[in-house]
Amino acid sequence: MQSDIPKQYLSLAGKTILEHCLLNLIAHPRIQHIILPLHPQDPWFEKLDIANAPWLTVIEGGHERADSVLNGLQIVPEGEWVMVHDAARPCLPHADIDKLLALTEGHQGGILASPVRDTMKRADEQGLIVRTESREQLWHALTPQFFSCKQLKAALSGALAQNIHITDEASAIEWSGGKVRLIKGDPCNIKITHPEDLALAEFYLHRILKRQGNKI
């Protein structure tokens, strides 16, 4: 992001990216509480207006994403369902959350995802194309990722104990033999990764909040 501070603390439409992300989540009527893993030496969060919000619990994050998620799961009752979301995705429509929550009726977890649209190329170490890969049945994994606390805790604990590289929550469930449902998500749920993403995120943020009847 070419910034001196972590990208979640960059300004977006008058608030930090992290604030937009958290406020959008807690505004959903079925989300009751948010657990936020932070680096133990994070000097920025305590300066935010939402730092002491009653609906937010801050915990110490881990070395990797899986460690942070597992830390958070330790304080969630095993009978609950949890959504794990990326702080760099502030443009999550509530309609997509509704789609994930509907999975509880079938007692199966799932993730938001988007089908691959572009032609996929596999390259060698020199950046030369080796072959064209079929994009049939290929999806980009997004967040939130939604599972029962008990299932996700067991999968993450088992994978980390065996030094399995876990890239997201779904990969832990897959490793443990569980099934994961793919739910097609809204294209506006982008991950802010490059400086030019900020302008696009602001456009989408205004769009989804207007659709939901909220204001920035």
Protein backbone atom coordinates (compact mmCIF):
# COMPACT_ATOMS: atom_id res chain seq x y z
CA MET A 1 0.00 0.00 0.00
CA GLN A 2 3.09 2.27 0.05
CA SER A 3 2.16 3.43 3.56
CA ASP A 4 3.94 3.82 6.88
CA ILE A 5 0.98 2.36 8.77
CA PRO A 6 -0.95 -0.90 8.35
CA LYS A 7 -3.53 -0.62 5.60
CA GLN A 8 -6.48 -1.20 7.94
CA TYR A 9 -5.73 2.18 9.52
CA LEU A 10 -5.68 4.12 6.27
CA SER A 11 -8.46 6.66 5.82
CA LEU A 12 -11.46 5.78 3.67
CA ALA A 13 -14.41 8.16 3.39
CA GLY A 14 -13.75 9.83 6.73
CA LYS A 15 -12.97 6.73 8.81
CA THR A 16 -10.30 4.08 8.88
CA ILE A 17 -10.78 0.97 6.77
CA LEU A 18 -10.99 -1.04 9.98
CA GLU A 19 -13.75 1.16 11.42
CA HIS A 20 -15.84 0.82 8.29
CA CYS A 21 -15.36 -2.93 8.38
CA LEU A 22 -16.34 -3.33 12.04
CA LEU A 23 -19.25 -0.89 11.97
CA ASN A 24 -20.70 -2.54 8.88
CA LEU A 25 -20.52 -5.96 10.55
CA ILE A 26 -22.11 -4.95 13.85
CA ALA A 27 -24.89 -3.11 11.98
CA HIS A 28 -26.20 -6.47 10.77
CA PRO A 29 -29.12 -7.44 13.03
CA ARG A 30 -27.89 -11.02 13.60
CA ILE A 31 -24.29 -10.19 14.51
CA GLN A 32 -24.07 -9.80 18.26
CA HIS A 33 -20.38 -9.45 18.99
CA ILE A 34 -17.03 -9.06 17.25
CA ILE A 35 -13.65 -10.42 18.38
CA LEU A 36 -10.70 -8.47 17.02
CA PRO A 37 -7.19 -9.97 17.15
CA LEU A 38 -4.51 -7.27 17.25
CA HIS A 39 -0.74 -7.22 17.33
CA PRO A 40 0.28 -6.76 20.99
CA GLN A 41 2.25 -3.62 20.11
CA ASP A 42 -0.47 -2.05 17.95
CA PRO A 43 -0.36 1.72 18.75
CA TRP A 44 -3.19 2.82 16.46
CA PHE A 45 -6.35 1.01 17.52
CA GLU A 46 -6.70 2.59 20.97
CA LYS A 47 -6.98 6.00 19.32
CA LEU A 48 -10.12 5.05 17.38
CA ASP A 49 -13.61 6.07 18.53
CA ILE A 50 -14.75 2.44 18.57
CA ALA A 51 -11.85 1.20 20.71
CA ASN A 52 -14.08 0.75 23.77
CA ALA A 53 -17.28 -0.31 22.04
CA PRO A 54 -19.29 -2.75 24.20
CA TRP A 55 -19.85 -5.06 21.24
CA LEU A 56 -16.12 -5.51 20.64
CA THR A 57 -13.56 -7.72 22.38
CA VAL A 58 -9.89 -7.15 21.54
CA ILE A 59 -7.49 -10.08 21.92
CA GLU A 60 -3.84 -10.66 21.15
CA GLY A 61 -3.26 -11.88 17.63
CA GLY A 62 -0.93 -14.69 16.65
CA HIS A 63 1.99 -15.05 14.28
CA GLU A 64 -0.19 -16.16 11.37
CA ARG A 65 -3.84 -15.73 10.44
CA ALA A 66 -4.70 -19.23 11.67
CA ASP A 67 -3.11 -18.52 15.06
CA SER A 68 -5.12 -15.30 15.45
CA VAL A 69 -8.38 -17.01 14.52
CA LEU A 70 -7.72 -19.86 16.92
CA ASN A 71 -6.99 -17.36 19.71
CA GLY A 72 -10.37 -15.77 19.07
CA LEU A 73 -12.20 -19.09 19.05
CA GLN A 74 -10.98 -19.84 22.55
CA ILE A 75 -13.48 -17.34 23.99
CA VAL A 76 -16.44 -18.39 21.84
CA PRO A 77 -18.86 -21.06 23.15
CA GLU A 78 -18.48 -24.19 21.02
CA GLY A 79 -22.20 -24.24 20.25
CA GLU A 80 -21.99 -20.93 18.37
CA TRP A 81 -21.36 -20.26 14.70
CA VAL A 82 -18.62 -17.81 13.75
CA MET A 83 -17.76 -15.69 10.73
CA VAL A 84 -14.13 -14.86 10.08
CA HIS A 85 -13.69 -11.68 8.08
CA ASP A 86 -10.73 -9.77 6.67
CA ALA A 87 -10.26 -6.21 7.98
CA ALA A 88 -9.22 -5.14 4.48
CA ARG A 89 -12.72 -5.90 3.12
CA PRO A 90 -14.92 -2.99 4.29
CA CYS A 91 -17.44 -3.26 1.43
CA LEU A 92 -19.33 -6.37 2.51
CA PRO A 93 -23.05 -6.25 1.65
CA HIS A 94 -25.43 -7.46 4.36
CA ALA A 95 -27.16 -9.56 1.71
CA ASP A 96 -24.00 -11.68 1.46
CA ILE A 97 -23.99 -12.14 5.23
CA ASP A 98 -27.60 -13.34 4.98
CA LYS A 99 -26.55 -15.96 2.42
CA LEU A 100 -23.92 -17.34 4.77
CA LEU A 101 -26.21 -17.35 7.79
CA ALA A 102 -28.72 -19.42 5.85
CA LEU A 103 -26.19 -22.27 5.83
CA THR A 104 -26.99 -23.04 9.47
CA GLU A 105 -30.27 -24.58 8.29
CA GLY A 106 -28.28 -27.33 6.61
CA HIS A 107 -25.69 -27.50 9.40
CA GLN A 108 -22.90 -26.91 6.89
CA GLY A 109 -20.27 -24.20 6.78
CA GLY A 110 -19.25 -22.21 3.75
CA ILE A 111 -17.43 -19.22 2.37
CA LEU A 112 -18.13 -16.33 0.07
CA ALA A 113 -16.36 -16.79 -3.25
CA SER A 114 -16.32 -15.52 -6.81
CA PRO A 115 -15.93 -17.67 -9.93
CA VAL A 116 -12.73 -17.16 -11.90
CA ARG A 117 -13.52 -15.14 -15.02
CA ASP A 118 -10.14 -14.53 -16.63
CA THR A 119 -7.98 -16.98 -18.54
CA MET A 120 -5.58 -18.63 -16.07
CA LYS A 121 -1.90 -19.10 -16.93
CA ARG A 122 0.67 -21.17 -15.05
CA ALA A 123 4.21 -19.75 -15.18
CA ASP A 124 7.71 -21.04 -14.43
CA GLU A 125 10.33 -19.37 -12.21
CA GLN A 126 11.35 -17.06 -15.08
CA GLY A 127 7.81 -15.75 -15.58
CA LEU A 128 7.27 -17.67 -18.79
CA ILE A 129 3.96 -19.37 -19.46
CA VAL A 130 4.06 -23.13 -18.96
CA ARG A 131 0.44 -23.78 -19.90
CA THR A 132 -3.08 -22.43 -19.81
CA GLU A 133 -5.15 -23.80 -16.95
CA SER A 134 -8.85 -24.51 -17.25
CA ARG A 135 -10.89 -22.02 -15.24
CA GLU A 136 -13.84 -24.39 -15.04
CA GLN A 137 -14.88 -24.92 -11.41
CA LEU A 138 -12.23 -22.47 -10.15
CA TRP A 139 -13.23 -19.88 -7.55
CA HIS A 140 -11.55 -17.01 -5.70
CA ALA A 141 -11.97 -17.48 -1.95
CA LEU A 142 -13.34 -14.40 -0.18
CA THR A 143 -14.42 -13.62 3.37
CA PRO A 144 -16.40 -13.94 5.56
CA GLN A 145 -15.86 -17.65 6.05
CA PHE A 146 -18.57 -19.23 8.18
CA PHE A 147 -18.38 -22.38 10.31
CA SER A 148 -19.47 -23.77 13.63
CA CYS A 149 -17.02 -22.81 16.35
CA LYS A 150 -16.51 -26.42 17.42
CA GLN A 151 -15.72 -27.64 13.90
CA LEU A 152 -13.39 -24.76 13.06
CA LYS A 153 -11.54 -24.91 16.37
CA ALA A 154 -10.89 -28.63 15.96
CA ALA A 155 -9.74 -28.24 12.35
CA LEU A 156 -7.37 -25.36 13.07
CA SER A 157 -5.94 -27.00 16.19
CA GLY A 158 -5.31 -30.26 14.39
CA ALA A 159 -3.74 -28.66 11.33
CA LEU A 160 -1.46 -26.37 13.33
CA ALA A 161 -0.38 -29.26 15.57
CA GLN A 162 0.83 -31.08 12.45
CA ASN A 163 2.46 -27.97 10.95
CA ILE A 164 0.03 -27.88 8.04
CA HIS A 165 0.14 -24.57 6.15
CA ILE A 166 -3.32 -23.03 6.53
CA THR A 167 -4.14 -20.16 4.19
CA ASP A 168 -7.74 -19.65 5.27
CA GLU A 169 -10.37 -21.24 7.48
CA ALA A 170 -11.79 -23.30 4.62
CA SER A 171 -8.41 -24.92 4.00
CA ALA A 172 -8.37 -26.15 7.61
CA ILE A 173 -11.86 -27.62 7.22
CA GLU A 174 -10.82 -29.25 3.94
CA TRP A 175 -7.71 -30.74 5.58
CA SER A 176 -9.86 -32.22 8.35
CA GLY A 177 -12.17 -33.88 5.82
CA GLY A 178 -15.07 -31.45 6.14
CA LYS A 179 -17.19 -30.12 3.31
CA VAL A 180 -17.30 -26.40 2.50
CA ARG A 181 -20.09 -24.75 0.54
CA LEU A 182 -19.18 -22.01 -1.95
CA ILE A 183 -21.55 -19.04 -1.89
CA LYS A 184 -21.29 -16.60 -4.77
CA GLY A 185 -20.51 -13.18 -3.33
CA ASP A 186 -21.09 -9.63 -4.52
CA PRO A 187 -18.19 -8.25 -6.64
CA CYS A 188 -18.06 -5.12 -4.46
CA ASN A 189 -16.55 -7.16 -1.59
CA ILE A 190 -13.01 -6.31 -2.68
CA LYS A 191 -9.85 -6.72 -0.63
CA ILE A 192 -7.91 -3.47 -0.41
CA THR A 193 -4.41 -4.41 -1.49
CA HIS A 194 -3.03 -1.60 -3.67
CA PRO A 195 -3.31 2.22 -3.36
CA GLU A 196 -5.69 2.42 -6.30
CA ASP A 197 -8.10 0.11 -4.49
CA LEU A 198 -9.02 2.91 -2.06
CA ALA A 199 -10.94 4.90 -4.67
CA LEU A 200 -12.79 1.80 -5.83
CA ALA A 201 -13.59 0.84 -2.23
CA GLU A 202 -15.03 4.29 -1.53
CA PHE A 203 -17.27 3.97 -4.58
CA TYR A 204 -18.52 0.56 -3.48
CA LEU A 205 -18.89 1.68 0.13
CA HIS A 206 -21.26 4.50 -0.80
CA ARG A 207 -23.17 2.09 -3.04
CA ILE A 208 -23.75 -0.68 -0.49
CA LEU A 209 -24.52 1.66 2.40
CA LYS A 210 -27.10 3.49 0.29
CA ARG A 211 -28.60 0.11 -0.61
CA GLN A 212 -28.73 -0.81 3.11
CA GLY A 213 -30.16 2.55 4.11
CA ASN A 214 -27.06 3.58 6.08
CA LYS A 215 -24.81 6.57 5.82
CA ILE A 216 -21.03 6.88 6.01
